[in-house]
N, C-alpha and C. Protein backbone atom coordinates (compact mmCIF):
# COMPACT_ATOMS: atom_id res chain seq x y z
N UNK A 1 5.64 29.22 -16.33
CA UNK A 1 5.59 27.78 -16.20
C UNK A 1 6.81 27.32 -15.40
N UNK A 2 6.56 26.49 -14.42
CA UNK A 2 7.63 26.01 -13.55
C UNK A 2 8.22 24.71 -14.13
N UNK A 3 9.52 24.56 -13.98
CA UNK A 3 10.18 23.37 -14.50
C UNK A 3 10.49 22.41 -13.36
N UNK A 4 11.08 21.28 -13.70
CA UNK A 4 11.40 20.25 -12.71
C UNK A 4 12.31 20.78 -11.61
N UNK A 5 13.40 21.42 -12.02
CA UNK A 5 14.37 21.92 -11.05
C UNK A 5 13.73 22.92 -10.10
N UNK A 6 12.94 23.83 -10.68
CA UNK A 6 12.27 24.83 -9.86
C UNK A 6 11.28 24.20 -8.89
N UNK A 7 10.53 23.22 -9.35
CA UNK A 7 9.56 22.54 -8.49
C UNK A 7 10.27 21.79 -7.37
N UNK A 8 11.35 21.12 -7.71
CA UNK A 8 12.10 20.37 -6.70
C UNK A 8 12.66 21.30 -5.63
N UNK A 9 13.25 22.41 -6.07
CA UNK A 9 13.82 23.35 -5.10
C UNK A 9 12.74 24.04 -4.29
N UNK A 10 11.65 24.37 -4.96
CA UNK A 10 10.59 25.13 -4.31
C UNK A 10 9.86 24.32 -3.24
N UNK A 11 9.52 23.08 -3.56
CA UNK A 11 8.68 22.29 -2.64
C UNK A 11 9.45 21.26 -1.84
N UNK A 12 10.45 20.66 -2.43
CA UNK A 12 11.18 19.61 -1.74
C UNK A 12 12.49 20.10 -1.14
N UNK A 13 12.84 21.34 -1.44
CA UNK A 13 14.05 21.97 -0.90
C UNK A 13 15.31 21.19 -1.27
N UNK A 14 15.28 20.56 -2.45
CA UNK A 14 16.43 19.82 -2.96
C UNK A 14 16.57 20.11 -4.44
N UNK A 15 17.79 20.00 -4.92
CA UNK A 15 18.01 20.10 -6.36
C UNK A 15 17.55 18.83 -7.04
N UNK A 16 17.29 18.93 -8.35
CA UNK A 16 16.81 17.77 -9.11
C UNK A 16 17.77 16.59 -8.98
N UNK A 17 19.07 16.86 -9.00
CA UNK A 17 20.05 15.77 -8.94
C UNK A 17 20.08 15.08 -7.58
N UNK A 18 19.57 15.73 -6.54
CA UNK A 18 19.57 15.15 -5.19
C UNK A 18 18.29 14.38 -4.87
N UNK A 19 17.35 14.36 -5.79
CA UNK A 19 16.10 13.66 -5.55
C UNK A 19 16.25 12.16 -5.82
N UNK A 20 15.49 11.36 -5.07
CA UNK A 20 15.47 9.93 -5.35
C UNK A 20 14.65 9.68 -6.60
N UNK A 21 14.75 8.49 -7.14
CA UNK A 21 14.00 8.15 -8.35
C UNK A 21 12.49 8.31 -8.11
N UNK A 22 12.05 7.89 -6.94
CA UNK A 22 10.63 7.99 -6.60
C UNK A 22 10.19 9.46 -6.56
N UNK A 23 11.02 10.33 -5.95
CA UNK A 23 10.68 11.75 -5.88
C UNK A 23 10.67 12.38 -7.26
N UNK A 24 11.59 11.96 -8.11
CA UNK A 24 11.61 12.48 -9.49
C UNK A 24 10.33 12.09 -10.23
N UNK A 25 9.90 10.85 -10.05
CA UNK A 25 8.65 10.41 -10.69
C UNK A 25 7.47 11.24 -10.21
N UNK A 26 7.45 11.53 -8.92
CA UNK A 26 6.34 12.32 -8.37
C UNK A 26 6.36 13.74 -8.93
N UNK A 27 7.56 14.35 -8.99
CA UNK A 27 7.67 15.70 -9.54
C UNK A 27 7.20 15.72 -10.99
N UNK A 28 7.61 14.71 -11.76
CA UNK A 28 7.16 14.64 -13.16
C UNK A 28 5.64 14.52 -13.24
N UNK A 29 5.06 13.72 -12.37
CA UNK A 29 3.60 13.55 -12.39
C UNK A 29 2.88 14.82 -11.95
N UNK A 30 3.49 15.56 -11.02
CA UNK A 30 2.88 16.83 -10.62
C UNK A 30 2.88 17.78 -11.80
N UNK A 31 4.00 17.84 -12.53
CA UNK A 31 4.08 18.72 -13.69
C UNK A 31 3.11 18.30 -14.79
N UNK A 32 2.93 16.99 -14.96
CA UNK A 32 2.02 16.48 -15.99
C UNK A 32 0.56 16.51 -15.54
N UNK A 33 0.36 16.71 -14.24
CA UNK A 33 -0.98 16.66 -13.64
C UNK A 33 -1.61 15.28 -13.83
N UNK A 34 -0.76 14.25 -13.84
CA UNK A 34 -1.27 12.90 -14.00
C UNK A 34 -1.37 12.23 -12.64
N UNK A 35 -2.09 11.13 -12.60
CA UNK A 35 -2.29 10.42 -11.34
C UNK A 35 -1.19 9.40 -11.13
N UNK A 36 -1.08 8.95 -9.89
CA UNK A 36 -0.08 7.96 -9.53
C UNK A 36 -0.76 6.62 -9.29
N UNK A 37 -2.05 6.58 -9.33
CA UNK A 37 -2.74 5.36 -8.93
C UNK A 37 -2.41 4.20 -9.85
N UNK A 38 -2.25 3.07 -9.22
CA UNK A 38 -2.06 1.82 -9.93
C UNK A 38 -2.45 0.70 -8.98
N UNK A 39 -2.76 -0.43 -9.55
CA UNK A 39 -3.18 -1.56 -8.74
C UNK A 39 -1.95 -2.42 -8.46
N UNK A 40 -1.33 -2.20 -7.30
CA UNK A 40 -0.10 -2.94 -6.98
C UNK A 40 -0.40 -4.42 -6.79
N UNK A 41 -1.58 -4.75 -6.30
CA UNK A 41 -1.95 -6.16 -6.12
C UNK A 41 -1.99 -6.87 -7.47
N UNK A 42 -2.64 -6.25 -8.45
CA UNK A 42 -2.74 -6.86 -9.79
C UNK A 42 -1.36 -6.95 -10.42
N UNK A 43 -0.53 -5.94 -10.21
CA UNK A 43 0.83 -5.95 -10.76
C UNK A 43 1.61 -7.15 -10.22
N UNK A 44 1.53 -7.40 -8.92
CA UNK A 44 2.24 -8.54 -8.34
C UNK A 44 1.63 -9.87 -8.77
N UNK A 45 0.31 -9.92 -8.87
CA UNK A 45 -0.35 -11.15 -9.28
C UNK A 45 0.06 -11.54 -10.70
N UNK A 46 0.21 -10.58 -11.57
CA UNK A 46 0.57 -10.85 -12.95
C UNK A 46 2.01 -11.34 -13.08
N UNK A 47 2.87 -10.97 -12.13
CA UNK A 47 4.28 -11.32 -12.21
C UNK A 47 4.64 -12.62 -11.49
N UNK A 48 3.67 -13.28 -10.87
CA UNK A 48 3.96 -14.49 -10.09
C UNK A 48 4.36 -15.66 -10.98
N UNK A 49 5.30 -16.44 -10.49
CA UNK A 49 5.69 -17.67 -11.18
C UNK A 49 4.73 -18.78 -10.76
N UNK A 50 4.84 -19.93 -11.41
CA UNK A 50 3.99 -21.06 -11.07
C UNK A 50 4.21 -21.48 -9.61
N UNK A 51 5.47 -21.54 -9.18
CA UNK A 51 5.77 -21.91 -7.79
C UNK A 51 5.19 -20.93 -6.79
N UNK A 52 5.24 -19.65 -7.12
CA UNK A 52 4.68 -18.64 -6.20
C UNK A 52 3.17 -18.76 -6.12
N UNK A 53 2.53 -19.06 -7.25
CA UNK A 53 1.07 -19.25 -7.22
C UNK A 53 0.70 -20.46 -6.38
N UNK A 54 1.47 -21.55 -6.52
CA UNK A 54 1.22 -22.75 -5.71
C UNK A 54 1.44 -22.44 -4.23
N UNK A 55 2.52 -21.74 -3.90
CA UNK A 55 2.82 -21.40 -2.51
C UNK A 55 1.70 -20.54 -1.92
N UNK A 56 1.20 -19.59 -2.69
CA UNK A 56 0.11 -18.74 -2.20
C UNK A 56 -1.15 -19.56 -1.95
N UNK A 57 -1.46 -20.48 -2.87
CA UNK A 57 -2.65 -21.32 -2.70
C UNK A 57 -2.53 -22.22 -1.47
N UNK A 58 -1.36 -22.85 -1.30
CA UNK A 58 -1.16 -23.73 -0.15
C UNK A 58 -1.25 -22.93 1.14
N UNK A 59 -0.62 -21.76 1.18
CA UNK A 59 -0.66 -20.92 2.39
C UNK A 59 -2.09 -20.45 2.66
N UNK A 60 -2.81 -20.13 1.60
CA UNK A 60 -4.20 -19.68 1.77
C UNK A 60 -5.05 -20.82 2.34
N UNK A 61 -4.87 -22.02 1.80
CA UNK A 61 -5.65 -23.16 2.28
C UNK A 61 -5.18 -23.59 3.67
N UNK A 62 -3.85 -23.62 3.90
CA UNK A 62 -3.30 -24.05 5.19
C UNK A 62 -3.66 -23.12 6.33
N UNK A 63 -4.03 -21.91 6.04
CA UNK A 63 -4.41 -20.96 7.08
C UNK A 63 -5.91 -20.73 7.15
N UNK A 64 -6.69 -21.72 6.72
CA UNK A 64 -8.14 -21.53 6.70
C UNK A 64 -8.83 -22.47 7.69
N UNK A 65 -10.05 -22.15 8.03
CA UNK A 65 -10.85 -23.00 8.90
C UNK A 65 -11.20 -24.30 8.20
N UNK A 66 -11.29 -24.27 6.90
CA UNK A 66 -11.56 -25.50 6.14
C UNK A 66 -10.42 -26.49 6.36
N UNK A 67 -9.18 -26.03 6.28
CA UNK A 67 -8.03 -26.90 6.52
C UNK A 67 -8.07 -27.45 7.94
N UNK A 68 -8.31 -26.59 8.90
CA UNK A 68 -8.33 -27.03 10.30
C UNK A 68 -9.42 -28.09 10.50
N UNK A 69 -10.59 -27.85 9.94
CA UNK A 69 -11.69 -28.82 10.07
C UNK A 69 -11.35 -30.15 9.41
N UNK A 70 -10.85 -30.11 8.18
CA UNK A 70 -10.47 -31.34 7.49
C UNK A 70 -9.33 -32.07 8.21
N UNK A 71 -8.39 -31.31 8.71
CA UNK A 71 -7.26 -31.90 9.42
C UNK A 71 -7.73 -32.60 10.70
N UNK A 72 -8.58 -31.94 11.47
CA UNK A 72 -9.11 -32.56 12.69
C UNK A 72 -9.95 -33.78 12.36
N UNK A 73 -10.75 -33.70 11.31
CA UNK A 73 -11.57 -34.85 10.92
C UNK A 73 -10.68 -36.02 10.50
N UNK A 74 -9.60 -35.75 9.78
CA UNK A 74 -8.67 -36.81 9.36
C UNK A 74 -8.00 -37.45 10.57
N UNK A 75 -7.55 -36.62 11.52
CA UNK A 75 -6.93 -37.16 12.74
C UNK A 75 -7.91 -38.02 13.52
N UNK A 76 -9.12 -37.54 13.66
CA UNK A 76 -10.14 -38.28 14.40
C UNK A 76 -10.46 -39.61 13.69
N UNK A 77 -10.57 -39.55 12.37
CA UNK A 77 -10.84 -40.78 11.61
C UNK A 77 -9.68 -41.77 11.77
N UNK A 78 -8.44 -41.26 11.74
CA UNK A 78 -7.27 -42.13 11.91
C UNK A 78 -7.32 -42.82 13.27
N UNK A 79 -7.57 -42.04 14.31
CA UNK A 79 -7.60 -42.60 15.67
C UNK A 79 -8.74 -43.61 15.79
N UNK A 80 -9.91 -43.28 15.30
CA UNK A 80 -11.05 -44.20 15.40
C UNK A 80 -10.77 -45.47 14.61
N UNK A 81 -10.26 -45.32 13.42
CA UNK A 81 -10.00 -46.48 12.57
C UNK A 81 -8.98 -47.41 13.22
N UNK A 82 -7.89 -46.86 13.73
CA UNK A 82 -6.81 -47.69 14.28
C UNK A 82 -7.08 -48.15 15.71
N UNK A 83 -7.77 -47.38 16.49
CA UNK A 83 -7.97 -47.73 17.90
C UNK A 83 -9.17 -48.63 18.11
N UNK A 84 -10.21 -48.42 17.38
CA UNK A 84 -11.43 -49.17 17.67
C UNK A 84 -11.74 -50.23 16.62
N UNK A 85 -11.81 -49.84 15.39
CA UNK A 85 -12.25 -50.78 14.36
C UNK A 85 -11.21 -51.85 14.07
N UNK A 86 -10.02 -51.43 13.69
CA UNK A 86 -9.00 -52.40 13.30
C UNK A 86 -8.39 -53.10 14.51
N UNK A 87 -8.31 -52.42 15.65
CA UNK A 87 -7.74 -53.04 16.85
C UNK A 87 -8.63 -54.20 17.31
N UNK A 88 -9.93 -54.10 17.16
CA UNK A 88 -10.84 -55.18 17.55
C UNK A 88 -10.64 -56.40 16.66
N UNK A 89 -10.29 -56.15 15.41
CA UNK A 89 -10.07 -57.27 14.49
C UNK A 89 -8.64 -57.78 14.58
N UNK A 90 -7.76 -56.99 15.23
CA UNK A 90 -6.39 -57.42 15.41
C UNK A 90 -5.45 -57.07 14.27
N UNK A 91 -5.89 -56.24 13.35
CA UNK A 91 -5.00 -55.90 12.23
C UNK A 91 -4.88 -54.38 12.05
N UNK A 92 -4.73 -53.62 13.12
CA UNK A 92 -4.53 -52.16 13.04
C UNK A 92 -3.16 -51.90 12.44
N UNK A 93 -3.09 -51.03 11.44
CA UNK A 93 -1.80 -50.77 10.80
C UNK A 93 -0.99 -49.71 11.53
N UNK A 94 -1.60 -48.95 12.43
CA UNK A 94 -0.87 -47.95 13.23
C UNK A 94 -1.49 -47.92 14.63
N UNK A 95 -1.14 -48.88 15.47
CA UNK A 95 -1.74 -48.91 16.81
C UNK A 95 -1.27 -47.74 17.67
N UNK A 96 -1.96 -47.64 18.82
CA UNK A 96 -1.73 -46.51 19.72
C UNK A 96 -0.26 -46.28 19.98
N UNK A 97 0.61 -45.68 20.00
CA UNK A 97 0.95 -44.25 20.05
C UNK A 97 0.98 -43.61 18.66
N UNK A 98 0.49 -44.28 17.65
CA UNK A 98 0.30 -43.72 16.30
C UNK A 98 1.61 -43.16 15.71
N UNK A 99 2.60 -44.01 15.63
CA UNK A 99 3.92 -43.59 15.13
C UNK A 99 3.85 -43.18 13.66
N UNK A 100 3.09 -43.93 12.86
CA UNK A 100 2.96 -43.57 11.45
C UNK A 100 2.26 -42.22 11.29
N UNK A 101 1.24 -41.98 12.11
CA UNK A 101 0.54 -40.69 12.07
C UNK A 101 1.50 -39.56 12.42
N UNK A 102 2.32 -39.77 13.45
CA UNK A 102 3.30 -38.74 13.83
C UNK A 102 4.29 -38.48 12.69
N UNK A 103 4.68 -39.52 11.98
CA UNK A 103 5.57 -39.35 10.84
C UNK A 103 4.91 -38.49 9.76
N UNK A 104 3.65 -38.80 9.44
CA UNK A 104 2.92 -38.01 8.43
C UNK A 104 2.76 -36.56 8.88
N UNK A 105 2.45 -36.34 10.14
CA UNK A 105 2.30 -34.97 10.65
C UNK A 105 3.61 -34.21 10.55
N UNK A 106 4.71 -34.86 10.85
CA UNK A 106 6.02 -34.21 10.75
C UNK A 106 6.35 -33.86 9.30
N UNK A 107 6.02 -34.77 8.37
CA UNK A 107 6.28 -34.50 6.96
C UNK A 107 5.43 -33.33 6.47
N UNK A 108 4.17 -33.31 6.86
CA UNK A 108 3.29 -32.20 6.45
C UNK A 108 3.84 -30.88 6.98
N UNK A 109 4.22 -30.87 8.26
CA UNK A 109 4.75 -29.63 8.87
C UNK A 109 6.05 -29.20 8.20
N UNK A 110 6.92 -30.17 7.88
CA UNK A 110 8.20 -29.80 7.28
C UNK A 110 8.03 -29.28 5.86
N UNK A 111 6.99 -29.68 5.16
CA UNK A 111 6.74 -29.15 3.82
C UNK A 111 5.91 -27.87 3.86
N UNK A 112 4.98 -27.83 4.78
CA UNK A 112 4.07 -26.68 4.82
C UNK A 112 4.77 -25.41 5.33
N UNK A 113 5.67 -25.55 6.27
CA UNK A 113 6.32 -24.37 6.86
C UNK A 113 7.10 -23.55 5.82
N UNK A 114 7.98 -24.15 4.99
CA UNK A 114 8.68 -23.31 4.01
C UNK A 114 7.76 -22.72 2.95
N UNK A 115 6.71 -23.45 2.60
CA UNK A 115 5.77 -22.92 1.61
C UNK A 115 5.05 -21.70 2.17
N UNK A 116 4.65 -21.77 3.42
CA UNK A 116 4.00 -20.62 4.06
C UNK A 116 4.97 -19.46 4.18
N UNK A 117 6.24 -19.75 4.47
CA UNK A 117 7.23 -18.68 4.55
C UNK A 117 7.44 -18.02 3.19
N UNK A 118 7.43 -18.81 2.11
CA UNK A 118 7.54 -18.22 0.78
C UNK A 118 6.38 -17.26 0.52
N UNK A 119 5.19 -17.69 0.88
CA UNK A 119 4.02 -16.84 0.68
C UNK A 119 4.11 -15.58 1.54
N UNK A 120 4.56 -15.72 2.77
CA UNK A 120 4.71 -14.55 3.63
C UNK A 120 5.75 -13.58 3.08
N UNK A 121 6.81 -14.11 2.50
CA UNK A 121 7.82 -13.23 1.88
C UNK A 121 7.20 -12.45 0.74
N UNK A 122 6.37 -13.11 -0.06
CA UNK A 122 5.69 -12.41 -1.16
C UNK A 122 4.76 -11.34 -0.61
N UNK A 123 4.06 -11.65 0.46
CA UNK A 123 3.16 -10.65 1.04
C UNK A 123 3.93 -9.47 1.63
N UNK A 124 5.09 -9.74 2.21
CA UNK A 124 5.87 -8.62 2.73
C UNK A 124 6.42 -7.77 1.58
N UNK A 125 6.76 -8.42 0.46
CA UNK A 125 7.17 -7.66 -0.73
C UNK A 125 6.02 -6.79 -1.23
N UNK A 126 4.82 -7.34 -1.23
CA UNK A 126 3.63 -6.58 -1.63
C UNK A 126 3.42 -5.40 -0.69
N UNK A 127 3.61 -5.62 0.61
CA UNK A 127 3.48 -4.53 1.58
C UNK A 127 4.50 -3.44 1.34
N UNK A 128 5.74 -3.83 0.99
CA UNK A 128 6.77 -2.82 0.68
C UNK A 128 6.40 -2.01 -0.55
N UNK A 129 5.87 -2.68 -1.57
CA UNK A 129 5.46 -1.97 -2.79
C UNK A 129 4.29 -1.05 -2.47
N UNK A 130 3.34 -1.53 -1.66
CA UNK A 130 2.21 -0.68 -1.27
C UNK A 130 2.68 0.54 -0.48
N UNK A 131 3.64 0.34 0.41
CA UNK A 131 4.16 1.47 1.19
C UNK A 131 4.86 2.48 0.30
N UNK A 132 5.63 2.00 -0.67
CA UNK A 132 6.30 2.91 -1.60
C UNK A 132 5.27 3.68 -2.43
N UNK A 133 4.23 2.99 -2.87
CA UNK A 133 3.16 3.64 -3.64
C UNK A 133 2.45 4.67 -2.78
N UNK A 134 2.15 4.32 -1.53
CA UNK A 134 1.51 5.27 -0.62
C UNK A 134 2.37 6.49 -0.42
N UNK A 135 3.69 6.29 -0.31
CA UNK A 135 4.60 7.43 -0.16
C UNK A 135 4.50 8.35 -1.37
N UNK A 136 4.51 7.77 -2.56
CA UNK A 136 4.42 8.58 -3.78
C UNK A 136 3.11 9.37 -3.81
N UNK A 137 2.01 8.70 -3.49
CA UNK A 137 0.71 9.37 -3.50
C UNK A 137 0.67 10.49 -2.47
N UNK A 138 1.18 10.21 -1.28
CA UNK A 138 1.18 11.23 -0.22
C UNK A 138 2.08 12.41 -0.59
N UNK A 139 3.23 12.13 -1.17
CA UNK A 139 4.13 13.21 -1.58
C UNK A 139 3.49 14.06 -2.66
N UNK A 140 2.86 13.43 -3.63
CA UNK A 140 2.18 14.20 -4.68
C UNK A 140 1.05 15.04 -4.09
N UNK A 141 0.28 14.45 -3.19
CA UNK A 141 -0.80 15.21 -2.55
C UNK A 141 -0.25 16.40 -1.78
N UNK A 142 0.85 16.18 -1.08
CA UNK A 142 1.46 17.29 -0.33
C UNK A 142 1.93 18.39 -1.27
N UNK A 143 2.56 18.01 -2.38
CA UNK A 143 3.01 19.02 -3.35
C UNK A 143 1.83 19.77 -3.95
N UNK A 144 0.76 19.06 -4.25
CA UNK A 144 -0.44 19.72 -4.80
C UNK A 144 -1.05 20.68 -3.77
N UNK A 145 -1.07 20.29 -2.51
CA UNK A 145 -1.63 21.15 -1.47
C UNK A 145 -0.78 22.40 -1.29
N UNK A 146 0.54 22.22 -1.28
CA UNK A 146 1.43 23.39 -1.17
C UNK A 146 1.22 24.32 -2.36
N UNK A 147 1.07 23.73 -3.54
CA UNK A 147 0.83 24.53 -4.74
C UNK A 147 -0.49 25.29 -4.63
N UNK A 148 -1.52 24.63 -4.14
CA UNK A 148 -2.82 25.30 -3.96
C UNK A 148 -2.72 26.43 -2.93
N UNK A 149 -1.97 26.20 -1.86
CA UNK A 149 -1.78 27.26 -0.86
C UNK A 149 -1.10 28.47 -1.49
N UNK A 150 -0.10 28.21 -2.31
CA UNK A 150 0.58 29.33 -2.96
C UNK A 150 -0.36 30.08 -3.90
N UNK A 151 -1.19 29.36 -4.62
CA UNK A 151 -2.15 30.01 -5.51
C UNK A 151 -3.15 30.84 -4.72
N UNK A 152 -3.63 30.29 -3.60
CA UNK A 152 -4.55 31.06 -2.76
C UNK A 152 -3.87 32.30 -2.18
N UNK A 153 -2.62 32.15 -1.75
CA UNK A 153 -1.88 33.29 -1.23
C UNK A 153 -1.71 34.36 -2.30
N UNK A 154 -1.40 33.93 -3.53
CA UNK A 154 -1.26 34.88 -4.64
C UNK A 154 -2.59 35.60 -4.91
N UNK A 155 -3.68 34.84 -4.90
CA UNK A 155 -5.00 35.45 -5.11
C UNK A 155 -5.32 36.45 -4.00
N UNK A 156 -5.02 36.06 -2.77
CA UNK A 156 -5.29 36.96 -1.65
C UNK A 156 -4.46 38.23 -1.76
N UNK A 157 -3.20 38.11 -2.12
CA UNK A 157 -2.35 39.28 -2.30
C UNK A 157 -2.89 40.18 -3.40
N UNK A 158 -3.34 39.55 -4.50
CA UNK A 158 -3.89 40.34 -5.61
C UNK A 158 -5.15 41.06 -5.16
N UNK A 159 -5.99 40.38 -4.40
CA UNK A 159 -7.23 41.02 -3.91
C UNK A 159 -6.91 42.16 -2.95
N UNK A 160 -5.88 41.95 -2.09
CA UNK A 160 -5.50 43.02 -1.18
C UNK A 160 -4.99 44.22 -1.97
N UNK A 161 -4.22 43.97 -2.99
CA UNK A 161 -3.71 45.06 -3.82
C UNK A 161 -4.87 45.80 -4.48
N UNK A 162 -5.85 45.04 -4.97
CA UNK A 162 -7.04 45.66 -5.58
C UNK A 162 -7.80 46.48 -4.55
N UNK A 163 -7.96 45.94 -3.35
CA UNK A 163 -8.69 46.66 -2.31
C UNK A 163 -7.96 47.95 -1.91
N UNK A 164 -6.64 47.88 -1.80
CA UNK A 164 -5.86 49.08 -1.47
C UNK A 164 -6.00 50.12 -2.58
N UNK A 165 -5.96 49.65 -3.84
CA UNK A 165 -6.13 50.55 -4.97
C UNK A 165 -7.53 51.19 -4.94
N UNK A 166 -8.55 50.38 -4.69
CA UNK A 166 -9.93 50.92 -4.62
C UNK A 166 -10.04 51.90 -3.47
N UNK A 167 -9.45 51.56 -2.35
CA UNK A 167 -9.52 52.46 -1.19
C UNK A 167 -8.80 53.78 -1.49
N UNK A 168 -7.65 53.72 -2.14
CA UNK A 168 -6.94 54.95 -2.51
C UNK A 168 -7.80 55.79 -3.46
N UNK A 169 -8.44 55.12 -4.39
CA UNK A 169 -9.31 55.83 -5.34
C UNK A 169 -10.47 56.49 -4.59
N UNK A 170 -11.06 55.77 -3.63
CA UNK A 170 -12.15 56.35 -2.84
C UNK A 170 -11.67 57.55 -2.04
N UNK A 171 -10.47 57.44 -1.47
CA UNK A 171 -9.93 58.57 -0.70
C UNK A 171 -9.73 59.76 -1.62
N UNK A 172 -9.22 59.51 -2.82
CA UNK A 172 -9.03 60.60 -3.78
C UNK A 172 -10.38 61.24 -4.11
N UNK A 173 -11.41 60.42 -4.33
CA UNK A 173 -12.73 60.97 -4.65
C UNK A 173 -13.31 61.75 -3.48
N UNK A 174 -13.12 61.20 -2.26
CA UNK A 174 -13.62 61.93 -1.08
C UNK A 174 -12.89 63.26 -0.90
N UNK A 175 -11.57 63.24 -1.12
CA UNK A 175 -10.81 64.48 -1.02
C UNK A 175 -11.27 65.47 -2.08
N UNK A 176 -11.58 64.99 -3.26
CA UNK A 176 -12.07 65.84 -4.34
C UNK A 176 -13.41 66.44 -3.96
N UNK A 177 -14.30 65.59 -3.39
CA UNK A 177 -15.63 66.08 -2.94
C UNK A 177 -15.46 67.12 -1.83
N UNK A 178 -14.56 66.87 -0.90
CA UNK A 178 -14.34 67.81 0.17
C UNK A 178 -13.77 69.13 -0.35
N UNK A 179 -12.86 69.03 -1.28
CA UNK A 179 -12.29 70.25 -1.81
C UNK A 179 -13.33 71.03 -2.63
N UNK A 180 -14.25 70.35 -3.28
CA UNK A 180 -15.31 71.03 -4.03
C UNK A 180 -16.32 71.67 -3.08
N UNK A 181 -16.52 71.13 -1.92
CA UNK A 181 -17.47 71.66 -0.96
C UNK A 181 -16.95 72.95 -0.34
N UNK A 182 -15.70 73.08 -0.23
CA UNK A 182 -15.15 74.25 0.43
C UNK A 182 -15.14 75.43 -0.43
């Protein structure tokens, strides 16, 4: 039975004390024959704060075709309302160059940008966790493959030894038959 230190030296060419925490976890899982799979998305979703959930929702909605359609419809309604309907009656609250509209657009952009950046930061954190998980899975798979190669090599060596033994036995029997014939 191989131990942690032996596995680390054999496959990773490092002593146990020189391994990173991630590599140690993988070595332990190889020895236990357990899986590394986990749902990193669910793990991050469960750990989100209220503010992070709100930021994700706003970023999800702000980057959708629904938002673009509603936003364009609102802008068009604003322009039509102020330029045609209210201007004809003489009481438009935001006449053409639409200064109030520009103020609202600036406020939306100034609030939406940091919220989207918060969401992007969370997604980049998720990507880092996914990459670390992928590394662990790939390292474990590599260790398992190396282990399988060694087992196959051992089996092949054993079969070769058996074949050599059988061949020697056959030679002995043939020599015996030849000596009996003479």
